[in-house]
Protein backbone atom coordinates (compact mmCIF):
# COMPACT_ATOMS: atom_id res chain seq x y z
CA UNK A 1 -4.26 -53.89 66.40
CA UNK A 2 -6.89 -51.69 68.15
CA UNK A 3 -8.56 -49.15 65.93
CA UNK A 4 -9.53 -45.95 67.54
CA UNK A 5 -12.37 -43.97 66.43
CA UNK A 6 -11.62 -40.20 66.00
CA UNK A 7 -13.83 -38.51 68.50
CA UNK A 8 -15.84 -35.71 66.80
CA UNK A 9 -15.36 -32.17 68.13
CA UNK A 10 -18.38 -30.55 69.07
CA UNK A 11 -19.10 -26.88 69.65
CA UNK A 12 -22.04 -24.80 70.78
CA UNK A 13 -22.74 -21.05 70.74
CA UNK A 14 -23.47 -19.29 74.04
CA UNK A 15 -26.91 -17.56 73.83
CA UNK A 16 -27.31 -16.92 77.58
CA UNK A 17 -24.92 -16.13 80.47
CA UNK A 18 -26.71 -14.22 83.04
CA UNK A 19 -24.79 -14.39 86.29
CA UNK A 20 -21.87 -16.00 84.58
CA UNK A 21 -20.75 -13.04 82.51
CA UNK A 22 -17.15 -13.79 83.34
CA UNK A 23 -17.10 -17.48 82.43
CA UNK A 24 -19.29 -17.29 79.45
CA UNK A 25 -19.71 -14.66 76.41
CA UNK A 26 -22.92 -14.56 74.47
CA UNK A 27 -22.52 -15.25 70.78
CA UNK A 28 -19.22 -16.96 71.42
CA UNK A 29 -18.43 -20.51 70.18
CA UNK A 30 -17.38 -23.01 72.90
CA UNK A 31 -16.05 -26.55 72.90
CA UNK A 32 -18.39 -29.11 74.29
CA UNK A 33 -16.83 -32.20 75.87
CA UNK A 34 -18.83 -35.51 75.85
CA UNK A 35 -20.71 -36.39 79.05
CA UNK A 36 -23.72 -38.37 78.48
CA UNK A 37 -24.89 -38.38 82.08
CA UNK A 38 -24.70 -34.54 82.03
CA UNK A 39 -26.61 -34.46 78.72
CA UNK A 40 -29.51 -36.78 80.03
CA UNK A 41 -29.82 -34.29 83.05
CA UNK A 42 -30.09 -31.37 80.59
CA UNK A 43 -26.62 -30.02 80.92
CA UNK A 44 -23.43 -29.50 78.77
CA UNK A 45 -19.98 -29.82 79.60
CA UNK A 46 -18.38 -26.68 78.25
CA UNK A 47 -14.72 -25.40 78.12
CA UNK A 48 -15.48 -21.99 79.17
CA UNK A 49 -13.32 -18.57 79.56
CA UNK A 50 -11.33 -20.18 82.38
CA UNK A 51 -9.94 -22.88 80.07
CA UNK A 52 -11.75 -25.45 82.44
CA UNK A 53 -14.84 -27.49 81.78
CA UNK A 54 -17.87 -26.96 83.84
CA UNK A 55 -21.56 -28.17 83.49
CA UNK A 56 -24.08 -25.29 82.12
CA UNK A 57 -27.64 -25.66 81.28
CA UNK A 58 -27.98 -26.95 77.70
CA UNK A 59 -30.75 -24.50 77.17
CA UNK A 60 -27.94 -21.69 77.53
CA UNK A 61 -26.40 -23.04 74.25
CA UNK A 62 -27.08 -23.57 70.46
CA UNK A 63 -25.42 -26.34 68.77
CA UNK A 64 -23.11 -25.02 66.10
CA UNK A 65 -23.79 -26.50 62.63
CA UNK A 66 -21.06 -28.84 61.19
CA UNK A 67 -19.11 -27.33 58.46
CA UNK A 68 -19.80 -28.90 54.92
CA UNK A 69 -16.95 -31.26 54.00
CA UNK A 70 -15.80 -31.51 50.41
């Protein structure tokens, strides 16, 4: 039997959106999809307002702290 690891959901808060106001809202939390290559290049794969995922500069986002679990 193959054991599957649960993927941790990651989220980030948008802190800059100049030129992408229709796609990103400042101070809004967005899901982050895993993309190691993009992250090595300084980008994050974000599911934006369109509902699709696109690459945005990582510096436009702040990682959302994980909530404490009991």
